[in-house]
């Protein structure tokens, strides 16, 4: 079971690729802060519908045990969902945390949590033969507002032989 922050869920839903998550990870957990960001802040958006449709199937909302740890992370500038996702990933010993925010990724690394970014999800999907190419996904992500430096874009595609 992996843990997810909000942004990978938002982008995968926006691109119609939400079903990649159970194919790649079987089960995904989100903390209450992420669920609230999606159900309240994302109400009416594709991600809210996708999350509601996946609940009680392969997606679950899991409480964190250490609210003080999440509070400390929030004091360092992280949003509630990011802080809770990092704490939850550590508490359940998740093999990975799905997250894109640079500050969140740094905090997760400090906590010893392995992070997979949205771009990494597409790399995994190609590696397992679920999708045939990453370039169209990168282009769609950029059109959806996902920021990728040109240098990083080229490096990813080069590493995948695209």
N, C-alpha and C. Protein backbone atom coordinates (compact mmCIF):
# COMPACT_ATOMS: atom_id res chain seq x y z
N UNK A 1 0.84 -1.18 0.00
CA UNK A 1 0.00 0.00 0.00
C UNK A 1 0.89 1.24 0.00
N UNK A 2 0.63 2.14 -0.95
CA UNK A 2 1.33 3.42 -0.98
C UNK A 2 0.39 4.49 -0.41
N UNK A 3 0.97 5.63 -0.09
CA UNK A 3 0.22 6.78 0.40
C UNK A 3 0.31 7.86 -0.66
N UNK A 4 -0.76 8.64 -0.83
CA UNK A 4 -0.72 9.71 -1.82
C UNK A 4 -1.07 11.05 -1.21
N UNK A 5 -0.39 12.05 -1.71
CA UNK A 5 -0.74 13.43 -1.46
C UNK A 5 -1.74 13.85 -2.56
N UNK A 6 -2.19 15.05 -2.52
CA UNK A 6 -3.25 15.51 -3.41
C UNK A 6 -2.84 15.63 -4.88
N UNK A 7 -1.70 16.26 -5.17
CA UNK A 7 -1.39 16.60 -6.56
C UNK A 7 -1.31 15.41 -7.51
N UNK A 8 -0.69 14.28 -7.17
CA UNK A 8 -0.71 13.18 -8.13
C UNK A 8 -2.14 12.71 -8.45
N UNK A 9 -3.00 12.72 -7.45
CA UNK A 9 -4.40 12.32 -7.67
C UNK A 9 -5.10 13.30 -8.61
N UNK A 10 -4.84 14.59 -8.40
CA UNK A 10 -5.46 15.62 -9.23
C UNK A 10 -5.04 15.46 -10.68
N UNK A 11 -3.73 15.33 -10.92
CA UNK A 11 -3.25 15.24 -12.31
C UNK A 11 -3.65 13.94 -12.99
N UNK A 12 -3.60 12.83 -12.27
CA UNK A 12 -4.01 11.56 -12.88
C UNK A 12 -5.50 11.58 -13.23
N UNK A 13 -6.31 12.16 -12.37
CA UNK A 13 -7.75 12.27 -12.67
C UNK A 13 -7.98 13.21 -13.85
N UNK A 14 -7.26 14.32 -13.88
CA UNK A 14 -7.39 15.30 -14.96
C UNK A 14 -7.06 14.67 -16.32
N UNK A 15 -6.06 13.80 -16.34
CA UNK A 15 -5.65 13.17 -17.59
C UNK A 15 -6.40 11.87 -17.88
N UNK A 16 -7.33 11.49 -17.01
CA UNK A 16 -8.09 10.27 -17.22
C UNK A 16 -7.29 9.01 -16.92
N UNK A 17 -6.26 9.15 -16.08
CA UNK A 17 -5.36 8.03 -15.79
C UNK A 17 -5.44 7.54 -14.35
N UNK A 18 -6.53 7.81 -13.67
CA UNK A 18 -6.68 7.42 -12.27
C UNK A 18 -6.55 5.91 -12.09
N UNK A 19 -6.97 5.15 -13.08
CA UNK A 19 -6.92 3.69 -13.00
C UNK A 19 -5.50 3.14 -13.01
N UNK A 20 -4.51 3.96 -13.31
CA UNK A 20 -3.13 3.49 -13.22
C UNK A 20 -2.75 3.15 -11.78
N UNK A 21 -3.35 3.86 -10.83
CA UNK A 21 -2.97 3.66 -9.43
C UNK A 21 -3.20 2.23 -8.94
N UNK A 22 -4.39 1.67 -9.09
CA UNK A 22 -4.54 0.29 -8.61
C UNK A 22 -3.75 -0.71 -9.44
N UNK A 23 -3.52 -0.40 -10.72
CA UNK A 23 -2.72 -1.31 -11.55
C UNK A 23 -1.27 -1.35 -11.08
N UNK A 24 -0.76 -0.20 -10.67
CA UNK A 24 0.64 -0.12 -10.25
C UNK A 24 0.86 -0.46 -8.78
N UNK A 25 -0.08 -0.07 -7.93
CA UNK A 25 0.15 -0.16 -6.48
C UNK A 25 -0.86 -1.01 -5.72
N UNK A 26 -1.87 -1.53 -6.35
CA UNK A 26 -2.93 -2.32 -5.72
C UNK A 26 -3.78 -1.50 -4.77
N UNK A 27 -3.16 -0.96 -3.71
CA UNK A 27 -3.91 -0.17 -2.73
C UNK A 27 -3.23 1.17 -2.50
N UNK A 28 -4.06 2.20 -2.32
CA UNK A 28 -3.56 3.55 -2.04
C UNK A 28 -4.30 4.09 -0.82
N UNK A 29 -3.56 4.70 0.08
CA UNK A 29 -4.16 5.33 1.26
C UNK A 29 -3.93 6.83 1.19
N UNK A 30 -4.91 7.57 1.68
CA UNK A 30 -4.76 9.01 1.81
C UNK A 30 -5.15 9.40 3.24
N UNK A 31 -4.50 10.41 3.79
CA UNK A 31 -4.89 10.87 5.12
C UNK A 31 -6.11 11.80 5.01
N UNK A 32 -6.76 12.07 6.13
CA UNK A 32 -7.94 12.93 6.12
C UNK A 32 -7.69 14.31 5.50
N UNK A 33 -6.51 14.88 5.72
CA UNK A 33 -6.21 16.19 5.15
C UNK A 33 -6.24 16.19 3.63
N UNK A 34 -5.75 15.13 3.03
CA UNK A 34 -5.79 15.01 1.57
C UNK A 34 -7.24 14.81 1.11
N UNK A 35 -7.96 13.97 1.81
CA UNK A 35 -9.37 13.74 1.45
C UNK A 35 -10.15 15.05 1.51
N UNK A 36 -9.90 15.86 2.54
CA UNK A 36 -10.61 17.14 2.66
C UNK A 36 -10.23 18.10 1.53
N UNK A 37 -8.95 18.16 1.20
CA UNK A 37 -8.52 19.02 0.09
C UNK A 37 -9.25 18.65 -1.19
N UNK A 38 -9.43 17.35 -1.40
CA UNK A 38 -10.07 16.88 -2.63
C UNK A 38 -11.58 17.06 -2.58
N UNK A 39 -12.20 16.65 -1.48
CA UNK A 39 -13.67 16.67 -1.42
C UNK A 39 -14.22 18.08 -1.26
N UNK A 40 -13.47 18.96 -0.59
CA UNK A 40 -13.94 20.34 -0.42
C UNK A 40 -13.34 21.25 -1.49
N UNK A 41 -12.01 21.30 -1.54
CA UNK A 41 -11.34 22.17 -2.50
C UNK A 41 -11.49 21.73 -3.94
N UNK A 42 -11.66 20.44 -4.14
CA UNK A 42 -11.78 19.91 -5.51
C UNK A 42 -13.20 19.53 -5.88
N UNK A 43 -14.17 19.93 -5.07
CA UNK A 43 -15.57 19.57 -5.35
C UNK A 43 -15.95 19.96 -6.77
N UNK A 44 -16.54 19.03 -7.48
CA UNK A 44 -16.96 19.27 -8.86
C UNK A 44 -15.88 19.03 -9.89
N UNK A 45 -14.66 18.77 -9.45
CA UNK A 45 -13.56 18.50 -10.38
C UNK A 45 -13.41 17.00 -10.60
N UNK A 46 -12.73 16.61 -11.68
CA UNK A 46 -12.55 15.17 -11.95
C UNK A 46 -11.97 14.39 -10.78
N UNK A 47 -11.05 15.00 -10.02
CA UNK A 47 -10.42 14.27 -8.92
C UNK A 47 -11.42 13.91 -7.83
N UNK A 48 -12.37 14.78 -7.55
CA UNK A 48 -13.36 14.48 -6.50
C UNK A 48 -14.21 13.29 -6.90
N UNK A 49 -14.63 13.25 -8.15
CA UNK A 49 -15.42 12.11 -8.64
C UNK A 49 -14.60 10.83 -8.64
N UNK A 50 -13.34 10.94 -9.07
CA UNK A 50 -12.48 9.75 -9.13
C UNK A 50 -12.23 9.18 -7.73
N UNK A 51 -11.96 10.06 -6.77
CA UNK A 51 -11.70 9.59 -5.40
C UNK A 51 -12.94 8.95 -4.82
N UNK A 52 -14.09 9.58 -4.97
CA UNK A 52 -15.33 9.01 -4.42
C UNK A 52 -15.63 7.65 -5.05
N UNK A 53 -15.33 7.51 -6.34
CA UNK A 53 -15.58 6.24 -7.03
C UNK A 53 -14.64 5.13 -6.60
N UNK A 54 -13.46 5.49 -6.13
CA UNK A 54 -12.45 4.50 -5.75
C UNK A 54 -12.50 4.13 -4.26
N UNK A 55 -13.14 4.96 -3.45
CA UNK A 55 -13.20 4.67 -2.01
C UNK A 55 -13.86 3.33 -1.76
N UNK A 56 -13.38 2.64 -0.78
CA UNK A 56 -13.88 1.32 -0.37
C UNK A 56 -13.55 0.25 -1.40
N UNK A 57 -12.81 0.61 -2.41
CA UNK A 57 -12.34 -0.36 -3.39
C UNK A 57 -10.83 -0.48 -3.16
N UNK A 58 -10.05 0.27 -3.88
CA UNK A 58 -8.60 0.22 -3.73
C UNK A 58 -8.03 1.46 -3.04
N UNK A 59 -8.89 2.44 -2.76
CA UNK A 59 -8.47 3.68 -2.11
C UNK A 59 -9.12 3.78 -0.75
N UNK A 60 -8.34 4.16 0.27
CA UNK A 60 -8.91 4.30 1.61
C UNK A 60 -8.37 5.54 2.30
N UNK A 61 -9.18 6.07 3.20
CA UNK A 61 -8.76 7.20 4.03
C UNK A 61 -8.29 6.61 5.36
N UNK A 62 -7.06 6.91 5.73
CA UNK A 62 -6.49 6.37 6.97
C UNK A 62 -6.09 7.52 7.89
N UNK A 63 -6.48 7.39 9.14
CA UNK A 63 -6.12 8.37 10.16
C UNK A 63 -4.64 8.26 10.49
N UNK A 64 -4.05 9.38 10.86
CA UNK A 64 -2.67 9.34 11.35
C UNK A 64 -2.71 9.21 12.87
N UNK A 65 -1.72 8.55 13.41
CA UNK A 65 -1.65 8.38 14.86
C UNK A 65 -0.97 9.57 15.52
N UNK A 66 0.02 10.16 14.84
CA UNK A 66 0.81 11.23 15.45
C UNK A 66 0.45 12.61 14.89
N UNK A 67 -0.58 13.20 15.45
CA UNK A 67 -0.96 14.56 15.04
C UNK A 67 0.14 15.57 15.39
N UNK A 68 0.89 15.39 16.51
CA UNK A 68 1.98 16.33 16.80
C UNK A 68 3.05 16.35 15.71
N UNK A 69 3.39 15.19 15.13
CA UNK A 69 4.37 15.16 14.04
C UNK A 69 3.87 15.95 12.84
N UNK A 70 2.59 15.78 12.52
CA UNK A 70 2.01 16.52 11.40
C UNK A 70 2.02 18.02 11.72
N UNK A 71 1.75 18.36 12.97
CA UNK A 71 1.78 19.76 13.38
C UNK A 71 3.16 20.38 13.21
N UNK A 72 4.19 19.63 13.54
CA UNK A 72 5.56 20.12 13.36
C UNK A 72 5.87 20.37 11.88
N UNK A 73 5.43 19.45 11.04
CA UNK A 73 5.64 19.63 9.60
C UNK A 73 4.88 20.83 9.07
N UNK A 74 3.70 21.06 9.59
CA UNK A 74 2.92 22.24 9.19
C UNK A 74 3.63 23.51 9.61
N UNK A 75 4.27 23.49 10.78
CA UNK A 75 5.02 24.66 11.24
C UNK A 75 6.21 24.95 10.33
N UNK A 76 6.66 23.94 9.61
CA UNK A 76 7.77 24.11 8.66
C UNK A 76 7.27 24.60 7.30
N UNK A 77 5.98 24.86 7.19
CA UNK A 77 5.44 25.43 5.96
C UNK A 77 4.68 24.47 5.05
N UNK A 78 4.52 23.23 5.46
CA UNK A 78 3.77 22.28 4.63
C UNK A 78 2.28 22.44 4.86
N UNK A 79 1.49 22.13 3.84
CA UNK A 79 0.04 22.11 3.97
C UNK A 79 -0.37 20.89 4.79
N UNK A 80 -1.59 20.92 5.29
CA UNK A 80 -2.08 19.82 6.12
C UNK A 80 -2.00 18.48 5.40
N UNK A 81 -2.45 18.42 4.15
CA UNK A 81 -2.42 17.17 3.41
C UNK A 81 -1.01 16.62 3.23
N UNK A 82 -0.08 17.50 2.90
CA UNK A 82 1.32 17.08 2.73
C UNK A 82 1.88 16.53 4.03
N UNK A 83 1.67 17.29 5.11
CA UNK A 83 2.20 16.88 6.42
C UNK A 83 1.61 15.53 6.83
N UNK A 84 0.30 15.38 6.71
CA UNK A 84 -0.34 14.13 7.11
C UNK A 84 0.09 12.97 6.21
N UNK A 85 0.28 13.23 4.93
CA UNK A 85 0.70 12.16 4.01
C UNK A 85 2.09 11.65 4.38
N UNK A 86 3.00 12.55 4.72
CA UNK A 86 4.35 12.14 5.13
C UNK A 86 4.28 11.32 6.41
N UNK A 87 3.51 11.79 7.38
CA UNK A 87 3.39 11.08 8.65
C UNK A 87 2.76 9.70 8.43
N UNK A 88 1.68 9.64 7.65
CA UNK A 88 1.01 8.37 7.40
C UNK A 88 1.94 7.38 6.71
N UNK A 89 2.67 7.85 5.71
CA UNK A 89 3.60 6.96 4.99
C UNK A 89 4.62 6.35 5.96
N UNK A 90 5.10 7.17 6.89
CA UNK A 90 6.05 6.65 7.88
C UNK A 90 5.39 5.69 8.85
N UNK A 91 4.18 6.02 9.29
CA UNK A 91 3.51 5.18 10.27
C UNK A 91 3.15 3.80 9.75
N UNK A 92 2.75 3.71 8.49
CA UNK A 92 2.35 2.41 7.96
C UNK A 92 3.50 1.73 7.20
N UNK A 93 4.67 2.38 7.21
CA UNK A 93 5.85 1.86 6.52
C UNK A 93 5.55 1.61 5.03
N UNK A 94 4.90 2.60 4.42
CA UNK A 94 4.55 2.50 3.00
C UNK A 94 5.83 2.44 2.17
N UNK A 95 5.83 1.63 1.12
CA UNK A 95 7.01 1.58 0.26
C UNK A 95 7.24 2.88 -0.50
N UNK A 96 6.17 3.69 -0.62
CA UNK A 96 6.31 4.96 -1.34
C UNK A 96 5.20 5.92 -0.97
N UNK A 97 5.53 7.20 -1.14
CA UNK A 97 4.59 8.30 -1.00
C UNK A 97 4.51 8.99 -2.35
N UNK A 98 3.31 9.15 -2.88
CA UNK A 98 3.11 9.84 -4.15
C UNK A 98 2.97 11.33 -3.85
N UNK A 99 3.91 12.13 -4.36
CA UNK A 99 3.94 13.56 -4.02
C UNK A 99 4.76 14.31 -5.06
N UNK A 100 4.37 15.57 -5.31
CA UNK A 100 5.09 16.39 -6.28
C UNK A 100 5.74 17.64 -5.69
N UNK A 101 5.22 18.18 -4.62
CA UNK A 101 5.70 19.43 -4.05
C UNK A 101 7.14 19.29 -3.56
N UNK A 102 8.00 20.19 -4.01
CA UNK A 102 9.43 20.13 -3.69
C UNK A 102 9.69 20.17 -2.19
N UNK A 103 9.02 21.06 -1.47
CA UNK A 103 9.23 21.16 -0.02
C UNK A 103 8.74 19.90 0.69
N UNK A 104 7.63 19.36 0.22
CA UNK A 104 7.11 18.12 0.79
C UNK A 104 8.06 16.96 0.55
N UNK A 105 8.61 16.91 -0.66
CA UNK A 105 9.55 15.84 -1.00
C UNK A 105 10.80 15.92 -0.12
N UNK A 106 11.29 17.13 0.11
CA UNK A 106 12.45 17.30 0.98
C UNK A 106 12.14 16.84 2.40
N UNK A 107 10.96 17.20 2.90
CA UNK A 107 10.56 16.79 4.25
C UNK A 107 10.40 15.27 4.32
N UNK A 108 9.84 14.68 3.28
CA UNK A 108 9.68 13.23 3.25
C UNK A 108 11.04 12.53 3.25
N UNK A 109 11.97 13.05 2.46
CA UNK A 109 13.31 12.46 2.41
C UNK A 109 13.97 12.53 3.79
N UNK A 110 13.81 13.65 4.47
CA UNK A 110 14.37 13.81 5.81
C UNK A 110 13.76 12.78 6.77
N UNK A 111 12.47 12.46 6.55
CA UNK A 111 11.78 11.48 7.39
C UNK A 111 12.05 10.04 6.96
N UNK A 112 12.83 9.87 5.89
CA UNK A 112 13.17 8.53 5.42
C UNK A 112 12.08 7.88 4.58
N UNK A 113 11.22 8.71 3.98
CA UNK A 113 10.10 8.20 3.17
C UNK A 113 10.47 8.29 1.69
N UNK A 114 10.30 7.19 0.97
CA UNK A 114 10.55 7.13 -0.46
C UNK A 114 9.42 7.84 -1.20
N UNK A 115 9.76 8.71 -2.15
CA UNK A 115 8.76 9.48 -2.88
C UNK A 115 8.76 9.10 -4.36
N UNK A 116 7.56 8.98 -4.91
CA UNK A 116 7.38 8.82 -6.35
C UNK A 116 6.55 10.00 -6.82
N UNK A 117 7.07 10.72 -7.78
CA UNK A 117 6.34 11.88 -8.33
C UNK A 117 5.38 11.41 -9.42
N UNK A 118 4.50 12.29 -9.83
CA UNK A 118 3.55 11.96 -10.89
C UNK A 118 4.29 11.48 -12.14
N UNK A 119 5.39 12.14 -12.49
CA UNK A 119 6.17 11.71 -13.66
C UNK A 119 6.70 10.29 -13.46
N UNK A 120 7.05 9.97 -12.22
CA UNK A 120 7.53 8.62 -11.91
C UNK A 120 6.44 7.57 -12.06
N UNK A 121 5.21 7.96 -11.80
CA UNK A 121 4.08 7.04 -11.99
C UNK A 121 3.97 6.66 -13.46
N UNK A 122 4.12 7.65 -14.34
CA UNK A 122 4.07 7.36 -15.78
C UNK A 122 5.28 6.53 -16.22
N UNK A 123 6.44 6.78 -15.63
CA UNK A 123 7.63 5.97 -15.95
C UNK A 123 7.38 4.51 -15.56
N UNK A 124 6.83 4.30 -14.36
CA UNK A 124 6.51 2.94 -13.92
C UNK A 124 5.50 2.28 -14.85
N UNK A 125 4.48 3.04 -15.24
CA UNK A 125 3.44 2.50 -16.12
C UNK A 125 4.03 2.07 -17.46
N UNK A 126 4.95 2.85 -17.99
CA UNK A 126 5.58 2.46 -19.25
C UNK A 126 6.47 1.24 -19.03
N UNK A 127 7.22 1.24 -17.95
CA UNK A 127 8.11 0.12 -17.64
C UNK A 127 7.36 -1.20 -17.50
N UNK A 128 6.14 -1.14 -17.03
CA UNK A 128 5.33 -2.36 -16.86
C UNK A 128 4.44 -2.65 -18.07
N UNK A 129 4.59 -1.85 -19.11
CA UNK A 129 3.82 -2.08 -20.33
C UNK A 129 2.36 -1.67 -20.26
N UNK A 130 2.00 -0.85 -19.28
CA UNK A 130 0.62 -0.40 -19.13
C UNK A 130 0.32 0.73 -20.12
N UNK A 131 1.32 1.59 -20.35
CA UNK A 131 1.20 2.62 -21.38
C UNK A 131 2.37 2.44 -22.33
N UNK A 132 2.21 2.89 -23.55
CA UNK A 132 3.27 2.68 -24.54
C UNK A 132 4.27 3.82 -24.61
N UNK A 133 3.86 5.03 -24.19
CA UNK A 133 4.75 6.18 -24.29
C UNK A 133 4.46 7.18 -23.17
N UNK A 134 5.52 7.85 -22.74
CA UNK A 134 5.39 8.86 -21.68
C UNK A 134 5.27 10.26 -22.27
N UNK A 135 5.83 10.49 -23.46
CA UNK A 135 5.81 11.83 -24.05
C UNK A 135 4.41 12.43 -24.12
N UNK A 136 3.40 11.71 -24.61
CA UNK A 136 2.07 12.32 -24.65
C UNK A 136 1.55 12.69 -23.26
N UNK A 137 1.91 11.90 -22.26
CA UNK A 137 1.47 12.17 -20.89
C UNK A 137 2.17 13.42 -20.35
N UNK A 138 3.46 13.55 -20.62
CA UNK A 138 4.19 14.75 -20.20
C UNK A 138 3.60 15.99 -20.85
N UNK A 139 3.29 15.88 -22.14
CA UNK A 139 2.70 17.02 -22.84
C UNK A 139 1.33 17.37 -22.26
N UNK A 140 0.52 16.36 -21.96
CA UNK A 140 -0.80 16.60 -21.35
C UNK A 140 -0.65 17.22 -19.96
N UNK A 141 0.31 16.72 -19.19
CA UNK A 141 0.55 17.28 -17.86
C UNK A 141 0.91 18.76 -17.96
N UNK A 142 1.78 19.10 -18.89
CA UNK A 142 2.16 20.50 -19.06
C UNK A 142 0.95 21.35 -19.43
N UNK A 143 0.12 20.86 -20.33
CA UNK A 143 -1.09 21.61 -20.71
C UNK A 143 -2.04 21.78 -19.53
N UNK A 144 -1.99 20.81 -18.60
CA UNK A 144 -2.86 20.86 -17.41
C UNK A 144 -2.28 21.74 -16.31
N UNK A 145 -1.10 22.32 -16.55
CA UNK A 145 -0.50 23.22 -15.57
C UNK A 145 0.62 22.63 -14.73
N UNK A 146 1.01 21.39 -15.02
CA UNK A 146 2.11 20.74 -14.30
C UNK A 146 3.41 21.32 -14.82
N UNK A 147 4.23 21.83 -13.92
CA UNK A 147 5.47 22.47 -14.34
C UNK A 147 6.61 21.47 -14.41
N UNK A 148 7.24 21.40 -15.59
CA UNK A 148 8.41 20.56 -15.81
C UNK A 148 9.42 21.39 -16.60
N UNK A 149 10.62 21.52 -16.04
CA UNK A 149 11.67 22.26 -16.77
C UNK A 149 11.95 21.54 -18.08
N UNK A 150 12.26 22.32 -19.11
CA UNK A 150 12.57 21.74 -20.42
C UNK A 150 13.70 20.73 -20.33
N UNK A 151 14.71 21.04 -19.55
CA UNK A 151 15.86 20.14 -19.38
C UNK A 151 15.42 18.81 -18.76
N UNK A 152 14.56 18.87 -17.76
CA UNK A 152 14.06 17.67 -17.11
C UNK A 152 13.17 16.88 -18.07
N UNK A 153 12.35 17.57 -18.83
CA UNK A 153 11.47 16.96 -19.83
C UNK A 153 12.31 16.13 -20.81
N UNK A 154 13.35 16.76 -21.37
CA UNK A 154 14.21 16.06 -22.33
C UNK A 154 14.94 14.88 -21.69
N UNK A 155 15.41 15.08 -20.45
CA UNK A 155 16.14 14.02 -19.75
C UNK A 155 15.25 12.79 -19.51
N UNK A 156 14.02 13.02 -19.11
CA UNK A 156 13.08 11.91 -18.88
C UNK A 156 12.85 11.13 -20.16
N UNK A 157 12.54 11.87 -21.22
CA UNK A 157 12.25 11.18 -22.49
C UNK A 157 13.48 10.46 -23.04
N UNK A 158 14.62 11.06 -22.88
CA UNK A 158 15.86 10.42 -23.33
C UNK A 158 16.10 9.12 -22.55
N UNK A 159 15.88 9.16 -21.25
CA UNK A 159 16.12 7.97 -20.42
C UNK A 159 15.16 6.84 -20.77
N UNK A 160 14.01 7.19 -21.35
CA UNK A 160 13.02 6.19 -21.73
C UNK A 160 13.10 5.81 -23.20
N UNK A 161 14.04 6.40 -23.90
CA UNK A 161 14.21 6.11 -25.32
C UNK A 161 13.10 6.69 -26.19
N UNK A 162 12.57 7.80 -25.77
CA UNK A 162 11.49 8.45 -26.55
C UNK A 162 12.00 9.74 -27.17
